[in-house]
């Protein structure tokens, strides 16, 4: 999978009523990544869920790519879910 675009997905669910705070936390942390992704999107969904997607061109599936950390446990209801995908045509 050399030279592909790898998309990292990070999803967390905030404690009820704190979705806006989690979104701002994710926005700030995604701006502080050690490298700038080619593309970045922040999304929100019902139940105070936040999703961050970053695109990394010319990467391999197993590369060490910058990812968002785990938020403070008091802000989220469960551990963060993370996925990696390879973009296809």
PDB file of N, CA and C in Angstrom:
ATOM      1  N   UNK A   1       0.822  -1.203   0.000  1.00  0.00           N
ATOM      2  CA  UNK A   1       0.000   0.000   0.000  1.00  0.00           C
ATOM      3  C   UNK A   1       0.857   1.253   0.000  1.00  0.00           C
ATOM      4  N   UNK A   2       1.956   1.241  -0.680  1.00  0.00           N
ATOM      5  CA  UNK A   2       2.858   2.380  -0.710  1.00  0.00           C
ATOM      6  C   UNK A   2       2.322   3.475  -1.621  1.00  0.00           C
ATOM      7  N   UNK A   3       2.480   4.720  -1.201  1.00  0.00           N
ATOM      8  CA  UNK A   3       2.094   5.849  -2.029  1.00  0.00           C
ATOM      9  C   UNK A   3       0.608   6.107  -2.104  1.00  0.00           C
ATOM     10  N   UNK A   4      -0.164   5.584  -1.185  1.00  0.00           N
ATOM     11  CA  UNK A   4      -1.611   5.780  -1.164  1.00  0.00           C
ATOM     12  C   UNK A   4      -1.956   7.015  -0.333  1.00  0.00           C
ATOM     13  N   UNK A   5      -3.211   7.390  -0.365  1.00  0.00           N
ATOM     14  CA  UNK A   5      -3.706   8.391   0.565  1.00  0.00           C
ATOM     15  C   UNK A   5      -4.383   7.641   1.699  1.00  0.00           C
ATOM     16  N   UNK A   6      -3.895   7.870   2.903  1.00  0.00           N
ATOM     17  CA  UNK A   6      -4.453   7.237   4.091  1.00  0.00           C
ATOM     18  C   UNK A   6      -5.329   8.267   4.804  1.00  0.00           C
ATOM     19  N   UNK A   7      -6.515   7.828   5.183  1.00  0.00           N
ATOM     20  CA  UNK A   7      -7.452   8.690   5.901  1.00  0.00           C
ATOM     21  C   UNK A   7      -7.589   8.153   7.316  1.00  0.00           C
ATOM     22  N   UNK A   8      -7.304   9.007   8.287  1.00  0.00           N
ATOM     23  CA  UNK A   8      -7.470   8.643   9.689  1.00  0.00           C
ATOM     24  C   UNK A   8      -8.796   9.213  10.178  1.00  0.00           C
ATOM     25  N   UNK A   9      -9.551   8.378  10.871  1.00  0.00           N
ATOM     26  CA  UNK A   9     -10.812   8.820  11.461  1.00  0.00           C
ATOM     27  C   UNK A   9     -10.705   8.676  12.974  1.00  0.00           C
ATOM     28  N   UNK A  10     -11.148   9.703  13.673  1.00  0.00           N
ATOM     29  CA  UNK A  10     -11.129   9.766  15.134  1.00  0.00           C
ATOM     30  C   UNK A  10     -12.537  10.155  15.561  1.00  0.00           C
ATOM     31  N   UNK A  11     -13.158   9.352  16.416  1.00  0.00           N
ATOM     32  CA  UNK A  11     -14.544   9.640  16.814  1.00  0.00           C
ATOM     33  C   UNK A  11     -14.683   9.479  18.311  1.00  0.00           C
ATOM     34  N   UNK A  12     -15.334  10.464  18.943  1.00  0.00           N
ATOM     35  CA  UNK A  12     -15.555  10.425  20.383  1.00  0.00           C
ATOM     36  C   UNK A  12     -16.975  10.890  20.690  1.00  0.00           C
ATOM     37  N   UNK A  13     -17.468  10.439  21.814  1.00  0.00           N
ATOM     38  CA  UNK A  13     -18.794  10.854  22.286  1.00  0.00           C
ATOM     39  C   UNK A  13     -18.625  11.598  23.602  1.00  0.00           C
ATOM     40  N   UNK A  14     -19.097  12.829  23.613  1.00  0.00           N
ATOM     41  CA  UNK A  14     -18.957  13.672  24.800  1.00  0.00           C
ATOM     42  C   UNK A  14     -19.991  13.305  25.859  1.00  0.00           C
ATOM     43  N   UNK A  15     -19.691  13.674  27.067  1.00  0.00           N
ATOM     44  CA  UNK A  15     -20.671  13.608  28.138  1.00  0.00           C
ATOM     45  C   UNK A  15     -21.849  14.473  27.695  1.00  0.00           C
ATOM     46  N   UNK A  16     -23.060  14.040  28.024  1.00  0.00           N
ATOM     47  CA  UNK A  16     -24.268  14.741  27.577  1.00  0.00           C
ATOM     48  C   UNK A  16     -24.177  16.246  27.831  1.00  0.00           C
ATOM     49  N   UNK A  17     -24.468  17.006  26.775  1.00  0.00           N
ATOM     50  CA  UNK A  17     -24.458  18.458  26.863  1.00  0.00           C
ATOM     51  C   UNK A  17     -23.103  19.106  26.643  1.00  0.00           C
ATOM     52  N   UNK A  18     -22.056  18.301  26.437  1.00  0.00           N
ATOM     53  CA  UNK A  18     -20.715  18.867  26.281  1.00  0.00           C
ATOM     54  C   UNK A  18     -20.152  18.658  24.878  1.00  0.00           C
ATOM     55  N   UNK A  19     -21.047  18.400  23.914  1.00  0.00           N
ATOM     56  CA  UNK A  19     -20.612  18.182  22.536  1.00  0.00           C
ATOM     57  C   UNK A  19     -19.873  19.373  21.957  1.00  0.00           C
ATOM     58  N   UNK A  20     -20.346  20.592  22.231  1.00  0.00           N
ATOM     59  CA  UNK A  20     -19.677  21.797  21.737  1.00  0.00           C
ATOM     60  C   UNK A  20     -18.273  21.932  22.307  1.00  0.00           C
ATOM     61  N   UNK A  21     -18.125  21.587  23.560  1.00  0.00           N
ATOM     62  CA  UNK A  21     -16.808  21.641  24.208  1.00  0.00           C
ATOM     63  C   UNK A  21     -15.861  20.607  23.597  1.00  0.00           C
ATOM     64  N   UNK A  22     -16.379  19.395  23.337  1.00  0.00           N
ATOM     65  CA  UNK A  22     -15.559  18.369  22.705  1.00  0.00           C
ATOM     66  C   UNK A  22     -15.174  18.780  21.292  1.00  0.00           C
ATOM     67  N   UNK A  23     -16.105  19.386  20.561  1.00  0.00           N
ATOM     68  CA  UNK A  23     -15.809  19.850  19.200  1.00  0.00           C
ATOM     69  C   UNK A  23     -14.682  20.882  19.228  1.00  0.00           C
ATOM     70  N   UNK A  24     -14.745  21.830  20.137  1.00  0.00           N
ATOM     71  CA  UNK A  24     -13.691  22.842  20.233  1.00  0.00           C
ATOM     72  C   UNK A  24     -12.366  22.221  20.669  1.00  0.00           C
ATOM     73  N   UNK A  25     -12.406  21.251  21.566  1.00  0.00           N
ATOM     74  CA  UNK A  25     -11.201  20.550  21.980  1.00  0.00           C
ATOM     75  C   UNK A  25     -10.562  19.868  20.774  1.00  0.00           C
ATOM     76  N   UNK A  26     -11.376  19.162  19.983  1.00  0.00           N
ATOM     77  CA  UNK A  26     -10.875  18.450  18.804  1.00  0.00           C
ATOM     78  C   UNK A  26     -10.337  19.426  17.759  1.00  0.00           C
ATOM     79  N   UNK A  27     -11.021  20.561  17.585  1.00  0.00           N
ATOM     80  CA  UNK A  27     -10.555  21.572  16.630  1.00  0.00           C
ATOM     81  C   UNK A  27      -9.171  22.077  17.032  1.00  0.00           C
ATOM     82  N   UNK A  28      -8.992  22.385  18.299  1.00  0.00           N
ATOM     83  CA  UNK A  28      -7.705  22.896  18.782  1.00  0.00           C
ATOM     84  C   UNK A  28      -6.605  21.841  18.649  1.00  0.00           C
ATOM     85  N   UNK A  29      -6.903  20.593  19.031  1.00  0.00           N
ATOM     86  CA  UNK A  29      -5.888  19.543  18.956  1.00  0.00           C
ATOM     87  C   UNK A  29      -5.535  19.197  17.519  1.00  0.00           C
ATOM     88  N   UNK A  30      -6.495  19.244  16.618  1.00  0.00           N
ATOM     89  CA  UNK A  30      -6.199  18.917  15.225  1.00  0.00           C
ATOM     90  C   UNK A  30      -5.333  19.992  14.581  1.00  0.00           C
ATOM     91  N   UNK A  31      -5.384  21.207  15.099  1.00  0.00           N
ATOM     92  CA  UNK A  31      -4.522  22.284  14.602  1.00  0.00           C
ATOM     93  C   UNK A  31      -3.109  22.173  15.156  1.00  0.00           C
ATOM     94  N   UNK A  32      -2.917  21.354  16.188  1.00  0.00           N
ATOM     95  CA  UNK A  32      -1.610  21.204  16.842  1.00  0.00           C
ATOM     96  C   UNK A  32      -0.882  19.928  16.436  1.00  0.00           C
ATOM     97  N   UNK A  33      -1.364  19.218  15.417  1.00  0.00           N
ATOM     98  CA  UNK A  33      -0.693  17.993  14.998  1.00  0.00           C
ATOM     99  C   UNK A  33       0.747  18.289  14.605  1.00  0.00           C
ATOM    100  N   UNK A  34       1.626  17.321  14.769  1.00  0.00           N
ATOM    101  CA  UNK A  34       3.046  17.536  14.491  1.00  0.00           C
ATOM    102  C   UNK A  34       3.326  17.780  13.013  1.00  0.00           C
ATOM    103  N   UNK A  35       2.434  17.349  12.147  1.00  0.00           N
ATOM    104  CA  UNK A  35       2.504  17.633  10.706  1.00  0.00           C
ATOM    105  C   UNK A  35       1.115  18.050  10.243  1.00  0.00           C
ATOM    106  N   UNK A  36       1.064  18.834   9.197  1.00  0.00           N
ATOM    107  CA  UNK A  36      -0.208  19.308   8.648  1.00  0.00           C
ATOM    108  C   UNK A  36      -0.738  18.294   7.639  1.00  0.00           C
ATOM    109  N   UNK A  37      -1.968  17.800   7.831  1.00  0.00           N
ATOM    110  CA  UNK A  37      -2.533  16.882   6.835  1.00  0.00           C
ATOM    111  C   UNK A  37      -2.898  17.643   5.564  1.00  0.00           C
ATOM    112  N   UNK A  38      -3.049  16.919   4.467  1.00  0.00           N
ATOM    113  CA  UNK A  38      -3.466  17.546   3.207  1.00  0.00           C
ATOM    114  C   UNK A  38      -4.887  18.085   3.312  1.00  0.00           C
ATOM    115  N   UNK A  39      -5.690  17.426   4.137  1.00  0.00           N
ATOM    116  CA  UNK A  39      -7.079  17.825   4.314  1.00  0.00           C
ATOM    117  C   UNK A  39      -7.508  17.406   5.718  1.00  0.00           C
ATOM    118  N   UNK A  40      -8.427  18.182   6.287  1.00  0.00           N
ATOM    119  CA  UNK A  40      -8.928  17.897   7.626  1.00  0.00           C
ATOM    120  C   UNK A  40     -10.407  18.282   7.656  1.00  0.00           C
ATOM    121  N   UNK A  41     -11.233  17.433   8.243  1.00  0.00           N
ATOM    122  CA  UNK A  41     -12.649  17.759   8.420  1.00  0.00           C
ATOM    123  C   UNK A  41     -13.072  17.429   9.832  1.00  0.00           C
ATOM    124  N   UNK A  42     -13.872  18.302  10.418  1.00  0.00           N
ATOM    125  CA  UNK A  42     -14.479  18.074  11.719  1.00  0.00           C
ATOM    126  C   UNK A  42     -15.979  17.998  11.506  1.00  0.00           C
ATOM    127  N   UNK A  43     -16.604  16.976  12.074  1.00  0.00           N
ATOM    128  CA  UNK A  43     -18.039  16.779  11.926  1.00  0.00           C
ATOM    129  C   UNK A  43     -18.645  16.498  13.289  1.00  0.00           C
ATOM    130  N   UNK A  44     -19.943  16.750  13.412  1.00  0.00           N
ATOM    131  CA  UNK A  44     -20.634  16.412  14.652  1.00  0.00           C
ATOM    132  C   UNK A  44     -21.918  15.677  14.313  1.00  0.00           C
ATOM    133  N   UNK A  45     -22.433  14.959  15.295  1.00  0.00           N
ATOM    134  CA  UNK A  45     -23.625  14.148  15.103  1.00  0.00           C
ATOM    135  C   UNK A  45     -24.434  14.149  16.393  1.00  0.00           C
ATOM    136  N   UNK A  46     -25.669  13.644  16.327  1.00  0.00           N
ATOM    137  CA  UNK A  46     -26.466  13.531  17.557  1.00  0.00           C
ATOM    138  C   UNK A  46     -25.718  12.753  18.625  1.00  0.00           C
ATOM    139  N   UNK A  47     -26.190  12.893  19.846  1.00  0.00           N
ATOM    140  CA  UNK A  47     -25.607  12.250  21.025  1.00  0.00           C
ATOM    141  C   UNK A  47     -24.224  12.807  21.333  1.00  0.00           C
ATOM    142  N   UNK A  48     -24.004  14.084  20.979  1.00  0.00           N
ATOM    143  CA  UNK A  48     -22.754  14.790  21.305  1.00  0.00           C
ATOM    144  C   UNK A  48     -21.518  14.064  20.796  1.00  0.00           C
ATOM    145  N   UNK A  49     -21.618  13.510  19.563  1.00  0.00           N
ATOM    146  CA  UNK A  49     -20.485  12.818  18.955  1.00  0.00           C
ATOM    147  C   UNK A  49     -19.714  13.774  18.054  1.00  0.00           C
ATOM    148  N   UNK A  50     -18.400  13.604  18.008  1.00  0.00           N
ATOM    149  CA  UNK A  50     -17.499  14.416  17.186  1.00  0.00           C
ATOM    150  C   UNK A  50     -16.622  13.472  16.379  1.00  0.00           C
ATOM    151  N   UNK A  51     -16.458  13.793  15.101  1.00  0.00           N
ATOM    152  CA  UNK A  51     -15.629  13.000  14.198  1.00  0.00           C
ATOM    153  C   UNK A  51     -14.600  13.921  13.558  1.00  0.00           C
ATOM    154  N   UNK A  52     -13.342  13.493  13.553  1.00  0.00           N
ATOM    155  CA  UNK A  52     -12.271  14.221  12.877  1.00  0.00           C
ATOM    156  C   UNK A  52     -11.667  13.274  11.850  1.00  0.00           C
ATOM    157  N   UNK A  53     -11.542  13.749  10.611  1.00  0.00           N
ATOM    158  CA  UNK A  53     -10.925  12.976   9.543  1.00  0.00           C
ATOM    159  C   UNK A  53      -9.745  13.764   9.007  1.00  0.00           C
ATOM    160  N   UNK A  54      -8.605  13.083   8.831  1.00  0.00           N
ATOM    161  CA  UNK A  54      -7.432  13.726   8.242  1.00  0.00           C
ATOM    162  C   UNK A  54      -6.937  12.875   7.081  1.00  0.00           C
ATOM    163  N   UNK A  55      -6.473  13.541   6.020  1.00  0.00           N
ATOM    164  CA  UNK A  55      -5.991  12.875   4.812  1.00  0.00           C
ATOM    165  C   UNK A  55      -4.477  13.034   4.717  1.00  0.00           C
ATOM    166  N   UNK A  56      -3.785  11.919   4.456  1.00  0.00           N
ATOM    167  CA  UNK A  56      -2.326  11.887   4.382  1.00  0.00           C
ATOM    168  C   UNK A  56      -1.912  11.258   3.061  1.00  0.00           C
ATOM    169  N   UNK A  57      -1.596  12.065   2.039  1.00  0.00           N
ATOM    170  CA  UNK A  57      -1.187  11.509   0.744  1.00  0.00           C
ATOM    171  C   UNK A  57       0.218  10.908   0.806  1.00  0.00           C
ATOM    172  N   UNK A  58       0.494  10.033  -0.139  1.00  0.00           N
ATOM    173  CA  UNK A  58       1.811   9.394  -0.242  1.00  0.00           C
ATOM    174  C   UNK A  58       2.221   8.719   1.057  1.00  0.00           C
ATOM    175  N   UNK A  59       1.275   8.058   1.679  1.00  0.00           N
ATOM    176  CA  UNK A  59       1.533   7.350   2.935  1.00  0.00           C
ATOM    177  C   UNK A  59       1.253   5.870   2.743  1.00  0.00           C
ATOM    178  N   UNK A  60       1.729   5.092   3.664  1.00  0.00           N
ATOM    179  CA  UNK A  60       1.436   3.666   3.704  1.00  0.00           C
ATOM    180  C   UNK A  60       0.528   3.398   4.893  1.00  0.00           C
ATOM    181  N   UNK A  61      -0.242   2.343   4.809  1.00  0.00           N
ATOM    182  CA  UNK A  61      -1.219   2.014   5.835  1.00  0.00           C
ATOM    183  C   UNK A  61      -0.596   1.931   7.232  1.00  0.00           C
ATOM    184  N   UNK A  62       0.607   1.412   7.334  1.00  0.00           N
ATOM    185  CA  UNK A  62       1.245   1.243   8.635  1.00  0.00           C
ATOM    186  C   UNK A  62       2.116   2.403   9.085  1.00  0.00           C
ATOM    187  N   UNK A  63       2.159   3.497   8.310  1.00  0.00           N
ATOM    188  CA  UNK A  63       2.997   4.637   8.687  1.00  0.00           C
ATOM    189  C   UNK A  63       2.582   5.223  10.036  1.00  0.00           C
ATOM    190  N   UNK A  64       3.556   5.804  10.714  1.00  0.00           N
ATOM    191  CA  UNK A  64       3.298   6.515  11.968  1.00  0.00           C
ATOM    192  C   UNK A  64       2.825   7.920  11.607  1.00  0.00           C
ATOM    193  N   UNK A  65       1.518   8.127  11.627  1.00  0.00           N
ATOM    194  CA  UNK A  65       0.927   9.409  11.242  1.00  0.00           C
ATOM    195  C   UNK A  65       0.390  10.120  12.486  1.00  0.00           C
ATOM    196  N   UNK A  66       0.421  11.456  12.495  1.00  0.00           N
ATOM    197  CA  UNK A  66      -0.073  12.202  13.655  1.00  0.00           C
ATOM    198  C   UNK A  66      -1.569  11.960  13.873  1.00  0.00           C
ATOM    199  N   UNK A  67      -1.921  11.656  15.107  1.00  0.00           N
ATOM    200  CA  UNK A  67      -3.320  11.420  15.463  1.00  0.00           C
ATOM    201  C   UNK A  67      -3.701  12.261  16.668  1.00  0.00           C
ATOM    202  N   UNK A  68      -4.976  12.539  16.792  1.00  0.00           N
ATOM    203  CA  UNK A  68      -5.458  13.246  17.969  1.00  0.00           C
ATOM    204  C   UNK A  68      -5.323  12.359  19.191  1.00  0.00           C
ATOM    205  N   UNK A  69      -5.020  12.954  20.333  1.00  0.00           N
ATOM    206  CA  UNK A  69      -4.918  12.172  21.570  1.00  0.00           C
ATOM    207  C   UNK A  69      -6.307  11.849  22.121  1.00  0.00           C
ATOM    208  N   UNK A  70      -6.318  11.167  23.214  1.00  0.00           N
ATOM    209  CA  UNK A  70      -7.546  10.858  23.951  1.00  0.00           C
ATOM    210  C   UNK A  70      -7.884  12.095  24.797  1.00  0.00           C
ATOM    211  N   UNK A  71      -9.122  12.575  24.751  1.00  0.00           N
ATOM    212  CA  UNK A  71      -9.501  13.706  25.618  1.00  0.00           C
ATOM    213  C   UNK A  71      -9.521  13.292  27.092  1.00  0.00           C
ATOM    214  N   UNK A  72      -9.604  14.267  27.948  1.00  0.00           N
ATOM    215  CA  UNK A  72      -9.745  14.004  29.373  1.00  0.00           C
ATOM    216  C   UNK A  72     -10.965  13.110  29.588  1.00  0.00           C
ATOM    217  N   UNK A  73     -10.847  12.123  30.436  1.00  0.00           N
ATOM    218  CA  UNK A  73     -11.929  11.160  30.667  1.00  0.00           C
ATOM    219  C   UNK A  73     -13.219  11.825  31.151  1.00  0.00           C
ATOM    220  N   UNK A  74     -13.122  12.978  31.785  1.00  0.00           N
ATOM    221  CA  UNK A  74     -14.319  13.675  32.275  1.00  0.00           C
ATOM    222  C   UNK A  74     -15.135  14.288  31.140  1.00  0.00           C
ATOM    223  N   UNK A  75     -14.545  14.399  29.942  1.00  0.00           N
ATOM    224  CA  UNK A  75     -15.228  15.016  28.799  1.00  0.00           C
ATOM    225  C   UNK A  75     -15.946  13.990  27.925  1.00  0.00           C
ATOM    226  N   UNK A  76     -15.549  12.736  27.991  1.00  0.00           N
ATOM    227  CA  UNK A  76     -16.101  11.724  27.081  1.00  0.00           C
ATOM    228  C   UNK A  76     -16.780  10.591  27.858  1.00  0.00           C
ATOM    229  N   UNK A  77     -17.664   9.864  27.140  1.00  0.00           N
ATOM    230  CA  UNK A  77     -18.417   8.781  27.778  1.00  0.00           C
ATOM    231  C   UNK A  77     -17.776   7.416  27.579  1.00  0.00           C
ATOM    232  N   UNK A  78     -16.808   7.320  26.672  1.00  0.00           N
ATOM    233  CA  UNK A  78     -16.155   6.049  26.355  1.00  0.00           C
ATOM    234  C   UNK A  78     -14.832   6.355  25.678  1.00  0.00           C
ATOM    235  N   UNK A  79     -14.033   5.334  25.490  1.00  0.00           N
ATOM    236  CA  UNK A  79     -12.758   5.521  24.792  1.00  0.00           C
ATOM    237  C   UNK A  79     -12.998   5.975  23.354  1.00  0.00           C
ATOM    238  N   UNK A  80     -12.058   6.716  22.824  1.00  0.00           N
ATOM    239  CA  UNK A  80     -12.114   7.191  21.438  1.00  0.00           C
ATOM    240  C   UNK A  80     -12.059   5.997  20.489  1.00  0.00           C
ATOM    241  N   UNK A  81     -12.812   6.070  19.409  1.00  0.00           N
ATOM    242  CA  UNK A  81     -12.723   5.059  18.348  1.00  0.00           C
ATOM    243  C   UNK A  81     -11.841   5.625  17.244  1.00  0.00           C
ATOM    244  N   UNK A  82     -10.961   4.785  16.704  1.00  0.00           N
ATOM    245  CA  UNK A  82     -10.035   5.207  15.648  1.00  0.00           C
ATOM    246  C   UNK A  82     -10.060   4.191  14.520  1.00  0.00           C
ATOM    247  N   UNK A  83     -10.027   4.680  13.285  1.00  0.00           N
ATOM    248  CA  UNK A  83      -9.971   3.819  12.114  1.00  0.00           C
ATOM    249  C   UNK A  83      -9.003   4.401  11.111  1.00  0.00           C
ATOM    250  N   UNK A  84      -8.412   3.545  10.286  1.00  0.00           N
ATOM    251  CA  UNK A  84      -7.556   3.946   9.160  1.00  0.00           C
ATOM    252  C   UNK A  84      -8.169   3.351   7.899  1.00  0.00           C
ATOM    253  N   UNK A  85      -8.181   4.176   6.867  1.00  0.00           N
ATOM    254  CA  UNK A  85      -8.672   3.729   5.576  1.00  0.00           C
ATOM    255  C   UNK A  85      -7.698   4.150   4.494  1.00  0.00           C
ATOM    256  N   UNK A  86      -7.646   3.397   3.417  1.00  0.00           N
ATOM    257  CA  UNK A  86      -6.888   3.781   2.241  1.00  0.00           C
ATOM    258  C   UNK A  86      -7.884   4.294   1.211  1.00  0.00           C
ATOM    259  N   UNK A  87      -7.655   5.491   0.703  1.00  0.00           N
ATOM    260  CA  UNK A  87      -8.527   6.065  -0.323  1.00  0.00           C
ATOM    261  C   UNK A  87      -8.383   5.266  -1.614  1.00  0.00           C
ATOM    262  N   UNK A  88      -9.495   5.028  -2.266  1.00  0.00           N
ATOM    263  CA  UNK A  88      -9.492   4.334  -3.559  1.00  0.00           C
ATOM    264  C   UNK A  88     -10.219   5.203  -4.577  1.00  0.00           C
ATOM    265  N   UNK A  89      -9.629   5.273  -5.785  1.00  0.00           N
ATOM    266  CA  UNK A  89     -10.130   6.035  -6.914  1.00  0.00           C
ATOM    267  C   UNK A  89     -11.421   6.662  -6.663  1.00  0.00           C
TER     268      UNK A  89
END
